[in-house]
Structure formats: C-alpha cells, structure tokens
N, C-alpha and C. Protein backbone atom coordinates (compact mmCIF):
# COMPACT_ATOMS: atom_id res chain seq x y z
N MET A 1 51.60 -44.11 54.37
CA MET A 1 50.74 -44.21 53.21
C MET A 1 49.36 -43.67 53.57
N SER A 2 48.67 -43.18 52.60
CA SER A 2 47.44 -42.45 52.88
C SER A 2 46.19 -43.33 52.85
N GLY A 3 46.28 -44.58 53.29
CA GLY A 3 45.09 -45.38 53.46
C GLY A 3 44.68 -46.20 52.26
N TRP A 4 45.29 -46.03 51.11
CA TRP A 4 44.92 -46.84 49.97
C TRP A 4 46.02 -47.83 49.68
N SER A 5 45.60 -49.04 49.41
CA SER A 5 46.58 -50.10 49.19
C SER A 5 47.13 -50.00 47.78
N GLN A 6 48.34 -50.45 47.68
CA GLN A 6 49.02 -50.39 46.41
C GLN A 6 49.22 -51.81 45.90
N GLY A 7 48.47 -52.18 44.88
CA GLY A 7 48.56 -53.53 44.34
C GLY A 7 49.48 -53.58 43.15
N GLU A 8 49.33 -54.64 42.40
CA GLU A 8 50.17 -54.84 41.21
C GLU A 8 49.98 -53.72 40.20
N GLN A 9 48.73 -53.26 40.03
CA GLN A 9 48.47 -52.22 39.04
C GLN A 9 49.17 -50.92 39.44
N GLY A 10 49.15 -50.56 40.71
CA GLY A 10 49.84 -49.36 41.17
C GLY A 10 51.33 -49.46 40.95
N HIS A 11 51.87 -50.64 41.19
CA HIS A 11 53.29 -50.86 40.99
C HIS A 11 53.66 -50.71 39.50
N ALA A 12 52.83 -51.26 38.63
CA ALA A 12 53.07 -51.17 37.19
C ALA A 12 52.96 -49.72 36.72
N LEU A 13 52.00 -48.97 37.26
CA LEU A 13 51.86 -47.56 36.88
C LEU A 13 53.06 -46.75 37.31
N GLU A 14 53.61 -47.06 38.49
CA GLU A 14 54.81 -46.36 38.94
C GLU A 14 55.96 -46.59 37.98
N HIS A 15 56.14 -47.83 37.57
CA HIS A 15 57.22 -48.13 36.63
C HIS A 15 56.98 -47.46 35.28
N ALA A 16 55.75 -47.47 34.82
CA ALA A 16 55.44 -46.83 33.54
C ALA A 16 55.73 -45.34 33.61
N PHE A 17 55.35 -44.70 34.73
CA PHE A 17 55.62 -43.27 34.87
C PHE A 17 57.12 -43.01 34.97
N ASP A 18 57.84 -43.87 35.67
CA ASP A 18 59.30 -43.72 35.75
C ASP A 18 59.95 -43.78 34.37
N TYR A 19 59.50 -44.75 33.57
CA TYR A 19 60.05 -44.86 32.21
C TYR A 19 59.67 -43.66 31.35
N LEU A 20 58.45 -43.17 31.51
CA LEU A 20 58.03 -41.97 30.78
C LEU A 20 58.90 -40.78 31.18
N LEU A 21 59.15 -40.63 32.46
CA LEU A 21 59.97 -39.53 32.94
C LEU A 21 61.40 -39.63 32.40
N ILE A 22 61.97 -40.83 32.40
CA ILE A 22 63.32 -41.02 31.85
C ILE A 22 63.33 -40.68 30.36
N PHE A 23 62.31 -41.13 29.63
CA PHE A 23 62.21 -40.82 28.21
C PHE A 23 62.14 -39.30 27.98
N MET A 24 61.33 -38.62 28.78
CA MET A 24 61.19 -37.17 28.62
C MET A 24 62.50 -36.44 28.94
N ILE A 25 63.21 -36.89 29.96
CA ILE A 25 64.49 -36.27 30.32
C ILE A 25 65.49 -36.46 29.18
N LEU A 26 65.59 -37.68 28.67
CA LEU A 26 66.51 -37.93 27.56
C LEU A 26 66.11 -37.15 26.31
N SER A 27 64.82 -37.03 26.07
CA SER A 27 64.34 -36.23 24.94
C SER A 27 64.73 -34.78 25.10
N SER A 28 64.62 -34.27 26.30
CA SER A 28 64.98 -32.89 26.57
C SER A 28 66.48 -32.65 26.32
N VAL A 29 67.30 -33.57 26.77
CA VAL A 29 68.75 -33.46 26.54
C VAL A 29 69.03 -33.49 25.03
N LEU A 30 68.39 -34.40 24.32
CA LEU A 30 68.60 -34.50 22.88
C LEU A 30 68.19 -33.21 22.16
N VAL A 31 67.08 -32.64 22.55
CA VAL A 31 66.61 -31.40 21.92
C VAL A 31 67.61 -30.27 22.17
N VAL A 32 68.14 -30.17 23.37
CA VAL A 32 69.11 -29.12 23.68
C VAL A 32 70.38 -29.31 22.85
N VAL A 33 70.82 -30.56 22.72
CA VAL A 33 72.01 -30.84 21.91
C VAL A 33 71.74 -30.48 20.45
N LEU A 34 70.60 -30.89 19.93
CA LEU A 34 70.27 -30.58 18.53
C LEU A 34 70.16 -29.08 18.29
N GLU A 35 69.61 -28.36 19.26
CA GLU A 35 69.49 -26.90 19.12
C GLU A 35 70.85 -26.21 19.05
N SER A 36 71.85 -26.83 19.64
CA SER A 36 73.17 -26.21 19.65
C SER A 36 73.97 -26.48 18.38
N MET A 37 73.45 -27.33 17.52
CA MET A 37 74.15 -27.66 16.28
C MET A 37 73.75 -26.69 15.17
N PRO A 38 74.73 -26.00 14.57
CA PRO A 38 74.40 -25.03 13.51
C PRO A 38 73.64 -25.64 12.33
N GLU A 39 73.93 -26.87 11.99
CA GLU A 39 73.25 -27.49 10.85
C GLU A 39 71.77 -27.80 11.13
N MET A 40 71.36 -27.68 12.36
CA MET A 40 69.95 -27.91 12.72
C MET A 40 69.17 -26.60 12.81
N SER A 41 69.77 -25.50 12.42
CA SER A 41 69.11 -24.20 12.56
C SER A 41 67.83 -24.11 11.73
N GLU A 42 67.74 -24.87 10.65
CA GLU A 42 66.52 -24.83 9.84
C GLU A 42 65.34 -25.49 10.55
N HIS A 43 65.63 -26.25 11.61
CA HIS A 43 64.58 -26.91 12.39
C HIS A 43 64.39 -26.24 13.75
N ALA A 44 64.88 -25.03 13.89
CA ALA A 44 64.86 -24.35 15.18
C ALA A 44 63.44 -24.18 15.73
N GLY A 45 62.49 -23.89 14.86
CA GLY A 45 61.11 -23.70 15.30
C GLY A 45 60.51 -24.97 15.88
N VAL A 46 60.71 -26.08 15.21
CA VAL A 46 60.18 -27.36 15.68
C VAL A 46 60.85 -27.76 17.00
N LEU A 47 62.17 -27.59 17.06
CA LEU A 47 62.89 -27.93 18.29
C LEU A 47 62.44 -27.06 19.45
N ALA A 48 62.20 -25.79 19.19
CA ALA A 48 61.71 -24.89 20.25
C ALA A 48 60.32 -25.32 20.73
N ASP A 49 59.48 -25.75 19.79
CA ASP A 49 58.14 -26.24 20.17
C ASP A 49 58.23 -27.49 21.03
N ILE A 50 59.10 -28.41 20.65
CA ILE A 50 59.28 -29.64 21.43
C ILE A 50 59.79 -29.29 22.82
N GLU A 51 60.76 -28.37 22.88
CA GLU A 51 61.30 -27.97 24.17
C GLU A 51 60.23 -27.34 25.05
N GLN A 52 59.34 -26.55 24.46
CA GLN A 52 58.26 -25.92 25.22
C GLN A 52 57.31 -26.96 25.79
N VAL A 53 56.97 -27.97 25.01
CA VAL A 53 56.11 -29.05 25.49
C VAL A 53 56.77 -29.78 26.65
N LEU A 54 58.07 -30.03 26.54
CA LEU A 54 58.80 -30.70 27.61
C LEU A 54 58.83 -29.85 28.88
N VAL A 55 58.98 -28.55 28.73
CA VAL A 55 58.95 -27.65 29.90
C VAL A 55 57.59 -27.71 30.57
N TYR A 56 56.51 -27.72 29.78
CA TYR A 56 55.17 -27.83 30.35
C TYR A 56 55.01 -29.15 31.10
N PHE A 57 55.51 -30.24 30.51
CA PHE A 57 55.42 -31.54 31.15
C PHE A 57 56.16 -31.54 32.49
N PHE A 58 57.41 -31.05 32.50
CA PHE A 58 58.19 -31.05 33.73
C PHE A 58 57.57 -30.13 34.78
N SER A 59 57.02 -29.01 34.35
CA SER A 59 56.35 -28.10 35.29
C SER A 59 55.13 -28.76 35.91
N ALA A 60 54.32 -29.42 35.09
CA ALA A 60 53.13 -30.10 35.60
C ALA A 60 53.52 -31.24 36.54
N GLU A 61 54.55 -31.98 36.18
CA GLU A 61 55.00 -33.08 37.04
C GLU A 61 55.47 -32.56 38.39
N TYR A 62 56.21 -31.47 38.40
CA TYR A 62 56.70 -30.88 39.65
C TYR A 62 55.54 -30.37 40.50
N LEU A 63 54.60 -29.65 39.88
CA LEU A 63 53.46 -29.13 40.63
C LEU A 63 52.60 -30.25 41.20
N LEU A 64 52.43 -31.33 40.44
CA LEU A 64 51.67 -32.48 40.96
C LEU A 64 52.38 -33.12 42.15
N ARG A 65 53.69 -33.20 42.09
CA ARG A 65 54.44 -33.75 43.23
C ARG A 65 54.27 -32.88 44.47
N LEU A 66 54.29 -31.57 44.28
CA LEU A 66 54.08 -30.67 45.41
C LEU A 66 52.67 -30.80 45.97
N TRP A 67 51.70 -30.97 45.09
CA TRP A 67 50.29 -31.05 45.49
C TRP A 67 50.01 -32.32 46.27
N ILE A 68 50.59 -33.45 45.85
CA ILE A 68 50.24 -34.72 46.50
C ILE A 68 51.16 -35.10 47.64
N CYS A 69 52.24 -34.38 47.83
CA CYS A 69 53.15 -34.75 48.92
C CYS A 69 52.52 -34.40 50.26
N PRO A 70 52.80 -35.22 51.26
CA PRO A 70 52.24 -34.93 52.59
C PRO A 70 52.91 -33.70 53.20
N GLU A 71 52.14 -32.99 53.98
CA GLU A 71 52.70 -31.81 54.66
C GLU A 71 53.62 -32.27 55.78
N ILE A 72 54.72 -31.57 55.91
CA ILE A 72 55.69 -31.87 56.95
C ILE A 72 55.59 -30.79 58.03
N GLY A 73 55.45 -31.25 59.25
CA GLY A 73 55.43 -30.30 60.36
C GLY A 73 54.12 -29.85 60.76
C-alpha cells in the first residue's frame, strides 16, 4: 500500500465504484442487445450515443487503472 490508510470511507467508496462498474457493464450489454433488435432501429441514434458514453467511461477507467497501478520491476 502506498502509505495512506484505508478506513471505512475508502471501503465504502470501493464498493460504490464496484457497483457502478457492474451497472455500466450491464448497461453496455443491454445497449448492444437492443441495437441488434430490428424493432429498435428507430432509436439507433440514442443507443449509439449511450454506447459512446459507455466506451468513454470504460476507457477512462482503464487509463486510470494504468496510471495508479504500481510499477513492476
């Protein structure tokens, strides 16, 4: 650990972020399923926008993980 203690608040934030991440993953799956349904073609623009926001979120989350991870070696 990098010298800072992790109290109850840190633990709660970890759980909150985990739940947010699970929600975003499930939302992404739902959007992909809805995009594949022909009857949802009239909502294609909105679904594409939602998918783009989710891609930005996952990209930012991945880059933050790379940035804060300790160097190995």
